[in-house]
Amino acid sequence: MSVTAKSRHRRQPDSADGAAGNERLTALTGAVLLAGFAVEGVTVLSVRQLLTLHVFLGMLLIGPVVLKIGSTCYRFTRYYTGAPAYVRKGPPAPLLRLLGPFVILTSLAVLGTGVILEIAGPGSGPWLLLHKASFVLWFGVMAIHVLAYAWRLPRILLGSRGRAAVVVPGGAARWLLVTGALAGGLLLALLTVHLAAPWHPGPGSG
């Protein structure tokens, strides 16, 4: 391999492997969630006709959401416990650091109230109102989050830094984690999708 080729395809230093790998795992999971929530947003526009798909996708995305929260909290913990590689990478911008807990809390609120609605069925007290209210809050928070991070996804996922391609060990493990999260969400969705049936409007209903 020539010197030029080596410079374009170089390996991260060992001390930074964990932080870089965590960043790529978070970005990969974020890309999956971005696509999934985009489709879920389409179902919201015609939720009566697409209710089963709406419920199915909501349950499916629980797995990737849990994985992304886990990878984000892991970075948070490693940074504030003084792990050198994470300290060198630094924290997010102050606004995004402040926004992070709201991203997690509103995501859990939307998914949690959705799960409760699916299990409890129609006429389940205030949960439908709480689901709608948490969705509005989540949408506002996520709009800022996506605008701040989406433009960085190609660079992180492709591992480009200038003209160099940065190789980060653990790629197979990252894909396995994301695949496992999707598989877990899919299994949960398949086991619970029948619970959407009571929510379908009956003949002659509004």
N, C-alpha and C. Protein backbone atom coordinates (compact mmCIF):
# COMPACT_ATOMS: atom_id res chain seq x y z
N MET A 1 0.86 -1.20 0.00
CA MET A 1 0.00 0.00 0.00
C MET A 1 0.89 1.24 0.00
N SER A 2 0.59 2.20 -0.88
CA SER A 2 1.39 3.41 -0.97
C SER A 2 1.16 4.31 0.23
N VAL A 3 2.08 5.30 0.35
CA VAL A 3 1.95 6.25 1.45
C VAL A 3 0.65 7.03 1.32
N THR A 4 0.30 7.39 0.08
CA THR A 4 -0.95 8.14 -0.15
C THR A 4 -2.16 7.32 0.26
N ALA A 5 -2.15 6.02 -0.13
CA ALA A 5 -3.27 5.15 0.22
C ALA A 5 -3.39 4.99 1.73
N LYS A 6 -2.23 4.89 2.38
CA LYS A 6 -2.24 4.76 3.84
C LYS A 6 -2.81 6.01 4.49
N SER A 7 -2.49 7.17 3.93
CA SER A 7 -2.98 8.41 4.52
C SER A 7 -4.48 8.57 4.34
N ARG A 8 -5.02 7.91 3.29
CA ARG A 8 -6.44 8.01 3.03
C ARG A 8 -7.23 6.94 3.78
N HIS A 9 -6.53 5.98 4.33
CA HIS A 9 -7.22 4.89 5.01
C HIS A 9 -6.44 4.54 6.27
N ARG A 10 -6.58 5.38 7.28
CA ARG A 10 -5.76 5.22 8.46
C ARG A 10 -6.61 4.84 9.65
N ARG A 11 -5.99 4.23 10.60
CA ARG A 11 -6.67 3.71 11.79
C ARG A 11 -6.61 4.74 12.91
N GLN A 12 -7.72 4.84 13.64
CA GLN A 12 -7.73 5.70 14.81
C GLN A 12 -6.73 5.19 15.85
N PRO A 13 -6.12 6.10 16.62
CA PRO A 13 -5.28 5.66 17.72
C PRO A 13 -6.09 4.87 18.72
N ASP A 14 -5.46 3.88 19.35
CA ASP A 14 -6.17 3.00 20.27
C ASP A 14 -6.91 3.76 21.36
N SER A 15 -6.30 4.83 21.90
CA SER A 15 -6.91 5.57 23.00
C SER A 15 -8.22 6.23 22.61
N ALA A 16 -8.42 6.45 21.31
CA ALA A 16 -9.63 7.13 20.86
C ALA A 16 -10.66 6.16 20.29
N ASP A 17 -10.32 4.87 20.23
CA ASP A 17 -11.22 3.90 19.61
C ASP A 17 -12.60 3.89 20.26
N GLY A 18 -12.61 3.88 21.60
CA GLY A 18 -13.89 3.77 22.29
C GLY A 18 -14.78 4.97 22.04
N ALA A 19 -14.22 6.18 22.12
CA ALA A 19 -15.01 7.39 21.90
C ALA A 19 -15.49 7.49 20.47
N ALA A 20 -14.62 7.17 19.51
CA ALA A 20 -15.02 7.23 18.11
C ALA A 20 -16.06 6.16 17.79
N GLY A 21 -15.88 4.97 18.36
CA GLY A 21 -16.85 3.90 18.14
C GLY A 21 -18.21 4.25 18.71
N ASN A 22 -18.21 4.86 19.89
CA ASN A 22 -19.46 5.30 20.49
C ASN A 22 -20.15 6.35 19.63
N GLU A 23 -19.36 7.27 19.08
CA GLU A 23 -19.91 8.30 18.22
C GLU A 23 -20.56 7.68 16.98
N ARG A 24 -19.89 6.68 16.40
CA ARG A 24 -20.45 6.05 15.21
C ARG A 24 -21.69 5.22 15.53
N LEU A 25 -21.69 4.55 16.67
CA LEU A 25 -22.87 3.79 17.07
C LEU A 25 -24.06 4.73 17.26
N THR A 26 -23.82 5.85 17.93
CA THR A 26 -24.89 6.83 18.15
C THR A 26 -25.40 7.38 16.82
N ALA A 27 -24.47 7.68 15.92
CA ALA A 27 -24.85 8.23 14.61
C ALA A 27 -25.61 7.20 13.78
N LEU A 28 -25.15 5.95 13.79
CA LEU A 28 -25.81 4.90 13.03
C LEU A 28 -27.23 4.67 13.54
N THR A 29 -27.37 4.61 14.86
CA THR A 29 -28.70 4.44 15.44
C THR A 29 -29.57 5.65 15.16
N GLY A 30 -28.97 6.84 15.21
CA GLY A 30 -29.71 8.06 14.89
C GLY A 30 -30.23 8.07 13.46
N ALA A 31 -29.41 7.57 12.52
CA ALA A 31 -29.84 7.51 11.13
C ALA A 31 -31.03 6.56 10.96
N VAL A 32 -30.99 5.42 11.65
CA VAL A 32 -32.10 4.47 11.61
C VAL A 32 -33.37 5.13 12.18
N LEU A 33 -33.22 5.83 13.30
CA LEU A 33 -34.37 6.50 13.93
C LEU A 33 -34.90 7.64 13.06
N LEU A 34 -34.02 8.35 12.40
CA LEU A 34 -34.44 9.44 11.53
C LEU A 34 -35.34 8.92 10.42
N ALA A 35 -34.93 7.80 9.81
CA ALA A 35 -35.75 7.19 8.76
C ALA A 35 -37.06 6.65 9.33
N GLY A 36 -36.97 5.97 10.47
CA GLY A 36 -38.16 5.38 11.07
C GLY A 36 -39.18 6.42 11.51
N PHE A 37 -38.72 7.49 12.15
CA PHE A 37 -39.64 8.52 12.61
C PHE A 37 -40.19 9.33 11.45
N ALA A 38 -39.46 9.41 10.34
CA ALA A 38 -39.99 10.09 9.16
C ALA A 38 -41.21 9.34 8.63
N VAL A 39 -41.11 8.01 8.57
CA VAL A 39 -42.26 7.20 8.14
C VAL A 39 -43.39 7.29 9.17
N GLU A 40 -43.03 7.26 10.45
CA GLU A 40 -44.04 7.39 11.50
C GLU A 40 -44.76 8.73 11.40
N GLY A 41 -44.03 9.77 11.03
CA GLY A 41 -44.65 11.09 10.85
C GLY A 41 -45.67 11.09 9.73
N VAL A 42 -45.39 10.34 8.67
CA VAL A 42 -46.35 10.24 7.57
C VAL A 42 -47.65 9.59 8.05
N THR A 43 -47.54 8.58 8.91
CA THR A 43 -48.75 7.92 9.41
C THR A 43 -49.59 8.85 10.28
N VAL A 44 -48.93 9.81 10.95
CA VAL A 44 -49.67 10.77 11.79
C VAL A 44 -50.61 11.62 10.94
N LEU A 45 -50.20 11.90 9.70
CA LEU A 45 -51.01 12.74 8.82
C LEU A 45 -52.33 12.09 8.44
N SER A 46 -52.38 10.76 8.50
CA SER A 46 -53.62 10.04 8.20
C SER A 46 -53.74 8.86 9.16
N VAL A 47 -53.76 9.19 10.46
CA VAL A 47 -53.60 8.16 11.48
C VAL A 47 -54.78 7.18 11.52
N ARG A 48 -55.99 7.62 11.17
CA ARG A 48 -57.13 6.70 11.20
C ARG A 48 -56.96 5.59 10.17
N GLN A 49 -56.49 5.97 8.97
CA GLN A 49 -56.30 4.98 7.91
C GLN A 49 -55.03 4.15 8.12
N LEU A 50 -54.04 4.74 8.76
CA LEU A 50 -52.73 4.07 8.91
C LEU A 50 -52.45 3.73 10.37
N LEU A 51 -53.51 3.52 11.14
CA LEU A 51 -53.33 3.31 12.58
C LEU A 51 -52.50 2.08 12.90
N THR A 52 -52.76 0.97 12.20
CA THR A 52 -52.01 -0.27 12.47
C THR A 52 -50.53 -0.06 12.19
N LEU A 53 -50.22 0.59 11.06
CA LEU A 53 -48.81 0.87 10.73
C LEU A 53 -48.21 1.82 11.75
N HIS A 54 -48.98 2.80 12.19
CA HIS A 54 -48.51 3.76 13.21
C HIS A 54 -48.12 3.03 14.50
N VAL A 55 -48.98 2.14 14.95
CA VAL A 55 -48.71 1.38 16.17
C VAL A 55 -47.53 0.44 15.98
N PHE A 56 -47.49 -0.23 14.84
CA PHE A 56 -46.42 -1.18 14.55
C PHE A 56 -45.06 -0.49 14.56
N LEU A 57 -44.97 0.64 13.86
CA LEU A 57 -43.70 1.37 13.81
C LEU A 57 -43.31 1.91 15.18
N GLY A 58 -44.30 2.39 15.93
CA GLY A 58 -44.01 2.90 17.26
C GLY A 58 -43.35 1.85 18.14
N MET A 59 -43.87 0.64 18.09
CA MET A 59 -43.29 -0.45 18.89
C MET A 59 -41.93 -0.88 18.33
N LEU A 60 -41.81 -0.90 17.01
CA LEU A 60 -40.55 -1.29 16.38
C LEU A 60 -39.41 -0.36 16.77
N LEU A 61 -39.73 0.94 16.87
CA LEU A 61 -38.68 1.92 17.14
C LEU A 61 -38.24 1.96 18.60
N ILE A 62 -38.94 1.24 19.46
CA ILE A 62 -38.54 1.22 20.88
C ILE A 62 -37.13 0.67 21.03
N GLY A 63 -36.80 -0.38 20.29
CA GLY A 63 -35.47 -0.98 20.37
C GLY A 63 -34.36 0.01 20.03
N PRO A 64 -34.40 0.65 18.84
CA PRO A 64 -33.37 1.63 18.50
C PRO A 64 -33.34 2.83 19.44
N VAL A 65 -34.51 3.27 19.93
CA VAL A 65 -34.53 4.40 20.87
C VAL A 65 -33.77 4.04 22.14
N VAL A 66 -34.01 2.85 22.67
CA VAL A 66 -33.32 2.40 23.88
C VAL A 66 -31.80 2.33 23.63
N LEU A 67 -31.41 1.82 22.45
CA LEU A 67 -29.99 1.73 22.13
C LEU A 67 -29.36 3.12 22.04
N LYS A 68 -30.04 4.07 21.41
CA LYS A 68 -29.47 5.42 21.28
C LYS A 68 -29.37 6.11 22.64
N ILE A 69 -30.38 5.93 23.47
CA ILE A 69 -30.31 6.49 24.82
C ILE A 69 -29.13 5.88 25.58
N GLY A 70 -28.95 4.57 25.42
CA GLY A 70 -27.85 3.89 26.09
C GLY A 70 -26.49 4.40 25.63
N SER A 71 -26.30 4.55 24.32
CA SER A 71 -25.01 5.01 23.81
C SER A 71 -24.75 6.46 24.21
N THR A 72 -25.81 7.29 24.22
CA THR A 72 -25.66 8.68 24.62
C THR A 72 -25.32 8.80 26.10
N CYS A 73 -26.03 8.06 26.93
CA CYS A 73 -25.76 8.09 28.37
C CYS A 73 -24.38 7.53 28.70
N TYR A 74 -23.92 6.55 27.91
CA TYR A 74 -22.58 6.00 28.11
C TYR A 74 -21.53 7.08 27.85
N ARG A 75 -21.70 7.83 26.76
CA ARG A 75 -20.75 8.92 26.47
C ARG A 75 -20.79 9.96 27.59
N PHE A 76 -21.99 10.30 28.05
CA PHE A 76 -22.15 11.27 29.12
C PHE A 76 -21.39 10.81 30.37
N THR A 77 -21.58 9.53 30.72
CA THR A 77 -20.94 9.00 31.92
C THR A 77 -19.42 8.99 31.78
N ARG A 78 -18.94 8.54 30.62
CA ARG A 78 -17.49 8.46 30.41
C ARG A 78 -16.85 9.85 30.42
N TYR A 79 -17.54 10.84 29.86
CA TYR A 79 -16.99 12.20 29.83
C TYR A 79 -16.90 12.76 31.25
N TYR A 80 -17.97 12.63 32.02
CA TYR A 80 -17.99 13.23 33.35
C TYR A 80 -17.23 12.42 34.40
N THR A 81 -16.83 11.21 34.04
CA THR A 81 -15.94 10.47 34.94
C THR A 81 -14.47 10.62 34.53
N GLY A 82 -14.23 11.45 33.51
CA GLY A 82 -12.87 11.84 33.16
C GLY A 82 -12.12 10.88 32.26
N ALA A 83 -12.82 10.02 31.49
CA ALA A 83 -12.13 9.14 30.55
C ALA A 83 -11.40 10.00 29.51
N PRO A 84 -10.08 9.84 29.34
CA PRO A 84 -9.30 10.77 28.50
C PRO A 84 -9.83 10.94 27.08
N ALA A 85 -10.16 9.84 26.40
CA ALA A 85 -10.60 9.95 25.01
C ALA A 85 -11.89 10.74 24.90
N TYR A 86 -12.80 10.56 25.85
CA TYR A 86 -14.07 11.27 25.83
C TYR A 86 -13.89 12.74 26.23
N VAL A 87 -12.95 13.00 27.12
CA VAL A 87 -12.66 14.39 27.49
C VAL A 87 -12.05 15.12 26.31
N ARG A 88 -11.15 14.46 25.57
CA ARG A 88 -10.54 15.09 24.40
C ARG A 88 -11.58 15.39 23.32
N LYS A 89 -12.54 14.49 23.15
CA LYS A 89 -13.59 14.71 22.16
C LYS A 89 -14.47 15.87 22.58
N GLY A 90 -14.63 16.05 23.87
CA GLY A 90 -15.37 17.19 24.39
C GLY A 90 -16.87 16.95 24.42
N PRO A 91 -17.58 17.82 25.14
CA PRO A 91 -19.03 17.70 25.25
C PRO A 91 -19.72 18.34 24.06
N PRO A 92 -21.02 18.09 23.88
CA PRO A 92 -21.77 18.83 22.85
C PRO A 92 -21.81 20.31 23.19
N ALA A 93 -22.28 21.11 22.25
CA ALA A 93 -22.45 22.54 22.50
C ALA A 93 -23.40 22.73 23.67
N PRO A 94 -23.25 23.85 24.42
CA PRO A 94 -24.07 24.05 25.63
C PRO A 94 -25.58 23.90 25.40
N LEU A 95 -26.11 24.46 24.30
CA LEU A 95 -27.54 24.36 24.03
C LEU A 95 -27.95 22.90 23.83
N LEU A 96 -27.14 22.15 23.09
CA LEU A 96 -27.46 20.75 22.82
C LEU A 96 -27.31 19.90 24.09
N ARG A 97 -26.36 20.27 24.94
CA ARG A 97 -26.21 19.58 26.22
C ARG A 97 -27.45 19.79 27.09
N LEU A 98 -27.97 21.02 27.05
CA LEU A 98 -29.18 21.34 27.81
C LEU A 98 -30.39 20.64 27.21
N LEU A 99 -30.38 20.49 25.89
CA LEU A 99 -31.52 19.89 25.19
C LEU A 99 -31.56 18.37 25.37
N GLY A 100 -30.39 17.75 25.58
CA GLY A 100 -30.30 16.29 25.63
C GLY A 100 -31.30 15.62 26.56
N PRO A 101 -31.39 16.03 27.83
CA PRO A 101 -32.36 15.38 28.72
C PRO A 101 -33.80 15.50 28.24
N PHE A 102 -34.13 16.61 27.57
CA PHE A 102 -35.50 16.78 27.06
C PHE A 102 -35.76 15.86 25.87
N VAL A 103 -34.72 15.61 25.06
CA VAL A 103 -34.86 14.65 23.97
C VAL A 103 -35.20 13.27 24.53
N ILE A 104 -34.47 12.87 25.57
CA ILE A 104 -34.69 11.56 26.18
C ILE A 104 -36.06 11.50 26.85
N LEU A 105 -36.40 12.51 27.65
CA LEU A 105 -37.65 12.48 28.40
C LEU A 105 -38.87 12.53 27.48
N THR A 106 -38.84 13.38 26.45
CA THR A 106 -40.00 13.45 25.55
C THR A 106 -40.12 12.19 24.69
N SER A 107 -38.98 11.60 24.32
CA SER A 107 -39.02 10.34 23.56
C SER A 107 -39.66 9.23 24.39
N LEU A 108 -39.24 9.14 25.66
CA LEU A 108 -39.81 8.14 26.55
C LEU A 108 -41.29 8.42 26.81
N ALA A 109 -41.66 9.70 26.89
CA ALA A 109 -43.06 10.05 27.13
C ALA A 109 -43.94 9.65 25.96
N VAL A 110 -43.50 9.96 24.74
CA VAL A 110 -44.28 9.60 23.55
C VAL A 110 -44.44 8.09 23.44
N LEU A 111 -43.32 7.37 23.55
CA LEU A 111 -43.39 5.91 23.42
C LEU A 111 -44.13 5.28 24.59
N GLY A 112 -43.89 5.79 25.81
CA GLY A 112 -44.53 5.22 26.99
C GLY A 112 -46.04 5.37 26.97
N THR A 113 -46.51 6.59 26.65
CA THR A 113 -47.96 6.79 26.58
C THR A 113 -48.57 6.00 25.43
N GLY A 114 -47.81 5.84 24.35
CA GLY A 114 -48.31 5.03 23.24
C GLY A 114 -48.48 3.57 23.63
N VAL A 115 -47.51 3.04 24.37
CA VAL A 115 -47.61 1.66 24.84
C VAL A 115 -48.80 1.49 25.79
N ILE A 116 -48.98 2.46 26.69
CA ILE A 116 -50.11 2.39 27.63
C ILE A 116 -51.43 2.42 26.88
N LEU A 117 -51.54 3.30 25.88
CA LEU A 117 -52.76 3.37 25.07
C LEU A 117 -53.03 2.05 24.36
N GLU A 118 -51.97 1.45 23.84
CA GLU A 118 -52.14 0.20 23.10
C GLU A 118 -52.63 -0.91 24.03
N ILE A 119 -52.09 -0.95 25.24
CA ILE A 119 -52.47 -2.01 26.19
C ILE A 119 -53.85 -1.74 26.79
N ALA A 120 -54.10 -0.47 27.17
CA ALA A 120 -55.36 -0.13 27.86
C ALA A 120 -56.54 -0.07 26.92
N GLY A 121 -56.31 0.32 25.67
CA GLY A 121 -57.40 0.41 24.72
C GLY A 121 -58.15 1.72 24.81
N PRO A 122 -59.15 1.92 23.95
CA PRO A 122 -59.94 3.16 23.95
C PRO A 122 -60.60 3.41 25.31
N GLY A 123 -60.83 4.68 25.60
CA GLY A 123 -61.46 5.03 26.87
C GLY A 123 -60.53 4.88 28.05
N SER A 124 -59.21 5.05 27.82
CA SER A 124 -58.22 4.82 28.88
C SER A 124 -57.81 6.12 29.56
N GLY A 125 -58.80 6.90 29.98
CA GLY A 125 -58.52 8.10 30.77
C GLY A 125 -57.77 9.16 30.00
N PRO A 126 -56.79 9.80 30.65
CA PRO A 126 -56.11 10.95 30.04
C PRO A 126 -54.95 10.57 29.12
N TRP A 127 -54.72 9.28 28.90
CA TRP A 127 -53.50 8.87 28.21
C TRP A 127 -53.44 9.34 26.76
N LEU A 128 -54.59 9.40 26.08
CA LEU A 128 -54.58 9.88 24.69
C LEU A 128 -54.17 11.35 24.64
N LEU A 129 -54.70 12.15 25.55
CA LEU A 129 -54.32 13.56 25.62
C LEU A 129 -52.84 13.70 25.95
N LEU A 130 -52.35 12.90 26.89
CA LEU A 130 -50.94 12.95 27.26
C LEU A 130 -50.05 12.51 26.09
N HIS A 131 -50.52 11.53 25.32
CA HIS A 131 -49.76 11.07 24.16
C HIS A 131 -49.64 12.18 23.13
N LYS A 132 -50.74 12.88 22.88
CA LYS A 132 -50.72 13.98 21.91
C LYS A 132 -49.86 15.13 22.41
N ALA A 133 -50.00 15.48 23.69
CA ALA A 133 -49.23 16.58 24.25
C ALA A 133 -47.73 16.27 24.23
N SER A 134 -47.37 15.04 24.60
CA SER A 134 -45.95 14.67 24.61
C SER A 134 -45.40 14.63 23.19
N PHE A 135 -46.24 14.28 22.22
CA PHE A 135 -45.79 14.29 20.82
C PHE A 135 -45.45 15.71 20.36
N VAL A 136 -46.29 16.68 20.73
CA VAL A 136 -46.04 18.07 20.35
C VAL A 136 -44.71 18.55 20.95
N LEU A 137 -44.50 18.25 22.22
CA LEU A 137 -43.24 18.64 22.87
C LEU A 137 -42.06 17.93 22.22
N TRP A 138 -42.22 16.62 21.99
CA TRP A 138 -41.15 15.83 21.37
C TRP A 138 -40.80 16.37 19.99
N PHE A 139 -41.81 16.73 19.21
CA PHE A 139 -41.57 17.22 17.86
C PHE A 139 -40.75 18.50 17.88
N GLY A 140 -41.08 19.42 18.78
CA GLY A 140 -40.33 20.66 18.88
C GLY A 140 -38.88 20.43 19.28
N VAL A 141 -38.68 19.57 20.28
CA VAL A 141 -37.33 19.27 20.75
C VAL A 141 -36.52 18.55 19.67
N MET A 142 -37.16 17.58 19.00
CA MET A 142 -36.45 16.80 17.99
C MET A 142 -36.12 17.62 16.76
N ALA A 143 -36.95 18.61 16.43
CA ALA A 143 -36.65 19.46 15.28
C ALA A 143 -35.30 20.16 15.47
N ILE A 144 -35.08 20.68 16.67
CA ILE A 144 -33.79 21.33 16.98
C ILE A 144 -32.67 20.29 16.96
N HIS A 145 -32.91 19.14 17.57
CA HIS A 145 -31.91 18.08 17.65
C HIS A 145 -31.47 17.61 16.26
N VAL A 146 -32.44 17.39 15.39
CA VAL A 146 -32.14 16.90 14.04
C VAL A 146 -31.40 17.96 13.24
N LEU A 147 -31.84 19.21 13.32
CA LEU A 147 -31.16 20.29 12.58
C LEU A 147 -29.71 20.44 13.04
N ALA A 148 -29.46 20.17 14.30
CA ALA A 148 -28.11 20.32 14.84
C ALA A 148 -27.18 19.17 14.43
N TYR A 149 -27.75 17.97 14.29
CA TYR A 149 -26.90 16.79 14.10
C TYR A 149 -26.98 16.13 12.73
N ALA A 150 -28.07 16.31 12.00
CA ALA A 150 -28.27 15.56 10.75
C ALA A 150 -27.16 15.82 9.73
N TRP A 151 -26.70 17.06 9.64
CA TRP A 151 -25.66 17.38 8.65
C TRP A 151 -24.34 16.69 8.95
N ARG A 152 -24.15 16.25 10.20
CA ARG A 152 -22.90 15.59 10.58
C ARG A 152 -22.93 14.09 10.30
N LEU A 153 -24.11 13.53 10.09
CA LEU A 153 -24.22 12.07 9.95
C LEU A 153 -23.35 11.49 8.83
N PRO A 154 -23.38 12.05 7.61
CA PRO A 154 -22.55 11.45 6.55
C PRO A 154 -21.07 11.39 6.91
N ARG A 155 -20.56 12.48 7.50
CA ARG A 155 -19.13 12.50 7.85
C ARG A 155 -18.80 11.45 8.89
N ILE A 156 -19.67 11.31 9.91
CA ILE A 156 -19.40 10.34 10.97
C ILE A 156 -19.54 8.92 10.46
N LEU A 157 -20.61 8.66 9.70
CA LEU A 157 -20.87 7.29 9.25
C LEU A 157 -19.86 6.83 8.21
N LEU A 158 -19.41 7.75 7.35
CA LEU A 158 -18.43 7.40 6.33
C LEU A 158 -17.00 7.45 6.85
N GLY A 159 -16.85 8.04 8.03
CA GLY A 159 -15.52 8.09 8.65
C GLY A 159 -14.55 8.98 7.92
N SER A 160 -15.06 10.03 7.27
CA SER A 160 -14.16 10.91 6.52
C SER A 160 -13.67 12.05 7.39
N ARG A 161 -12.42 12.36 7.25
CA ARG A 161 -11.82 13.49 7.95
C ARG A 161 -10.85 14.14 6.98
N GLY A 162 -11.32 15.19 6.30
CA GLY A 162 -10.54 15.74 5.21
C GLY A 162 -10.54 14.74 4.07
N ARG A 163 -9.34 14.34 3.63
CA ARG A 163 -9.23 13.35 2.57
C ARG A 163 -9.00 11.95 3.13
N ALA A 164 -8.89 11.85 4.43
CA ALA A 164 -8.57 10.57 5.04
C ALA A 164 -9.83 9.83 5.43
N ALA A 165 -9.78 8.52 5.30
CA ALA A 165 -10.86 7.65 5.77
C ALA A 165 -10.41 7.02 7.07
N VAL A 166 -11.10 7.33 8.17
CA VAL A 166 -10.68 6.87 9.48
C VAL A 166 -11.33 5.54 9.79
N VAL A 167 -10.51 4.54 10.07
CA VAL A 167 -11.01 3.21 10.40
C VAL A 167 -11.16 3.11 11.92
N VAL A 168 -12.36 2.78 12.37
CA VAL A 168 -12.63 2.64 13.79
C VAL A 168 -12.97 1.18 14.06
N PRO A 169 -12.21 0.49 14.88
CA PRO A 169 -12.50 -0.92 15.18
C PRO A 169 -13.88 -1.09 15.81
N GLY A 170 -14.42 -2.29 15.67
CA GLY A 170 -15.71 -2.59 16.29
C GLY A 170 -16.90 -2.39 15.38
N GLY A 171 -16.66 -2.25 14.07
CA GLY A 171 -17.76 -2.03 13.15
C GLY A 171 -18.78 -3.16 13.17
N ALA A 172 -18.30 -4.39 13.22
CA ALA A 172 -19.22 -5.54 13.25
C ALA A 172 -20.08 -5.52 14.51
N ALA A 173 -19.48 -5.18 15.64
CA ALA A 173 -20.22 -5.11 16.90
C ALA A 173 -21.29 -4.03 16.85
N ARG A 174 -20.95 -2.90 16.22
CA ARG A 174 -21.93 -1.82 16.12
C ARG A 174 -23.13 -2.24 15.28
N TRP A 175 -22.85 -2.85 14.15
CA TRP A 175 -23.95 -3.32 13.30
C TRP A 175 -24.77 -4.40 14.00
N LEU A 176 -24.10 -5.23 14.78
CA LEU A 176 -24.81 -6.27 15.52
C LEU A 176 -25.75 -5.65 16.57
N LEU A 177 -25.27 -4.61 17.24
CA LEU A 177 -26.10 -3.93 18.24
C LEU A 177 -27.33 -3.29 17.60
N VAL A 178 -27.13 -2.61 16.47
CA VAL A 178 -28.25 -1.96 15.79
C VAL A 178 -29.23 -2.99 15.25
N THR A 179 -28.69 -4.06 14.66
CA THR A 179 -29.55 -5.13 14.15
C THR A 179 -30.32 -5.79 15.28
N GLY A 180 -29.65 -6.02 16.42
CA GLY A 180 -30.31 -6.60 17.57
C GLY A 180 -31.42 -5.71 18.11
N ALA A 181 -31.16 -4.38 18.13
CA ALA A 181 -32.18 -3.44 18.59
C ALA A 181 -33.39 -3.45 17.67
N LEU A 182 -33.14 -3.51 16.37
CA LEU A 182 -34.24 -3.57 15.41
C LEU A 182 -35.00 -4.89 15.52
N ALA A 183 -34.25 -5.97 15.70
CA ALA A 183 -34.90 -7.29 15.84
C ALA A 183 -35.76 -7.34 17.09
N GLY A 184 -35.25 -6.79 18.20
CA GLY A 184 -36.04 -6.74 19.43
C GLY A 184 -37.30 -5.90 19.26
N GLY A 185 -37.15 -4.75 18.59
CA GLY A 185 -38.32 -3.91 18.33
C GLY A 185 -39.31 -4.58 17.41
N LEU A 186 -38.80 -5.29 16.40
CA LEU A 186 -39.68 -6.00 15.47
C LEU A 186 -40.47 -7.10 16.18
N LEU A 187 -39.79 -7.84 17.04
CA LEU A 187 -40.47 -8.89 17.79
C LEU A 187 -41.57 -8.28 18.67
N LEU A 188 -41.24 -7.18 19.33
CA LEU A 188 -42.23 -6.51 20.19
C LEU A 188 -43.42 -6.02 19.36
N ALA A 189 -43.13 -5.47 18.17
CA ALA A 189 -44.20 -4.98 17.30
C ALA A 189 -45.09 -6.12 16.82
N LEU A 190 -44.50 -7.23 16.45
CA LEU A 190 -45.28 -8.37 15.97
C LEU A 190 -46.16 -8.96 17.07
N LEU A 191 -45.66 -8.93 18.30
CA LEU A 191 -46.41 -9.51 19.42
C LEU A 191 -47.55 -8.60 19.89
N THR A 192 -47.48 -7.32 19.56
CA THR A 192 -48.46 -6.38 20.11
C THR A 192 -49.32 -5.69 19.06
N VAL A 193 -49.04 -5.88 17.79
CA VAL A 193 -49.76 -5.13 16.76
C VAL A 193 -51.26 -5.41 16.79
N HIS A 194 -51.65 -6.60 17.25
CA HIS A 194 -53.08 -6.92 17.30
C HIS A 194 -53.83 -6.02 18.29
N LEU A 195 -53.11 -5.40 19.21
CA LEU A 195 -53.75 -4.53 20.20
C LEU A 195 -54.25 -3.23 19.57
N ALA A 196 -53.87 -2.96 18.33
CA ALA A 196 -54.36 -1.76 17.65
C ALA A 196 -55.80 -1.93 17.18
N ALA A 197 -56.28 -3.16 17.08
CA ALA A 197 -57.62 -3.41 16.52
C ALA A 197 -58.73 -2.63 17.21
N PRO A 198 -58.80 -2.58 18.55
CA PRO A 198 -59.90 -1.85 19.20
C PRO A 198 -59.92 -0.36 18.88
N TRP A 199 -58.81 0.18 18.41
CA TRP A 199 -58.75 1.61 18.13
C TRP A 199 -59.29 1.96 16.75
N HIS A 200 -59.52 0.97 15.90
CA HIS A 200 -60.06 1.24 14.57
C HIS A 200 -61.53 1.65 14.70
N PRO A 201 -61.91 2.74 14.02
CA PRO A 201 -63.30 3.19 14.10
C PRO A 201 -64.25 2.15 13.50
N GLY A 202 -65.36 1.95 14.15
CA GLY A 202 -66.37 1.00 13.63
C GLY A 202 -67.18 1.62 12.53
N PRO A 203 -68.04 0.82 11.87
CA PRO A 203 -68.87 1.33 10.77
C PRO A 203 -69.73 2.49 11.25
N GLY A 204 -69.71 3.57 10.50
CA GLY A 204 -70.55 4.72 10.81
C GLY A 204 -69.98 5.66 11.84
N SER A 205 -68.81 5.33 12.38
CA SER A 205 -68.23 6.23 13.38
C SER A 205 -67.50 7.37 12.71
N GLY A 206 -67.25 8.43 13.47
CA GLY A 206 -66.62 9.62 12.89
C GLY A 206 -65.14 9.44 12.71
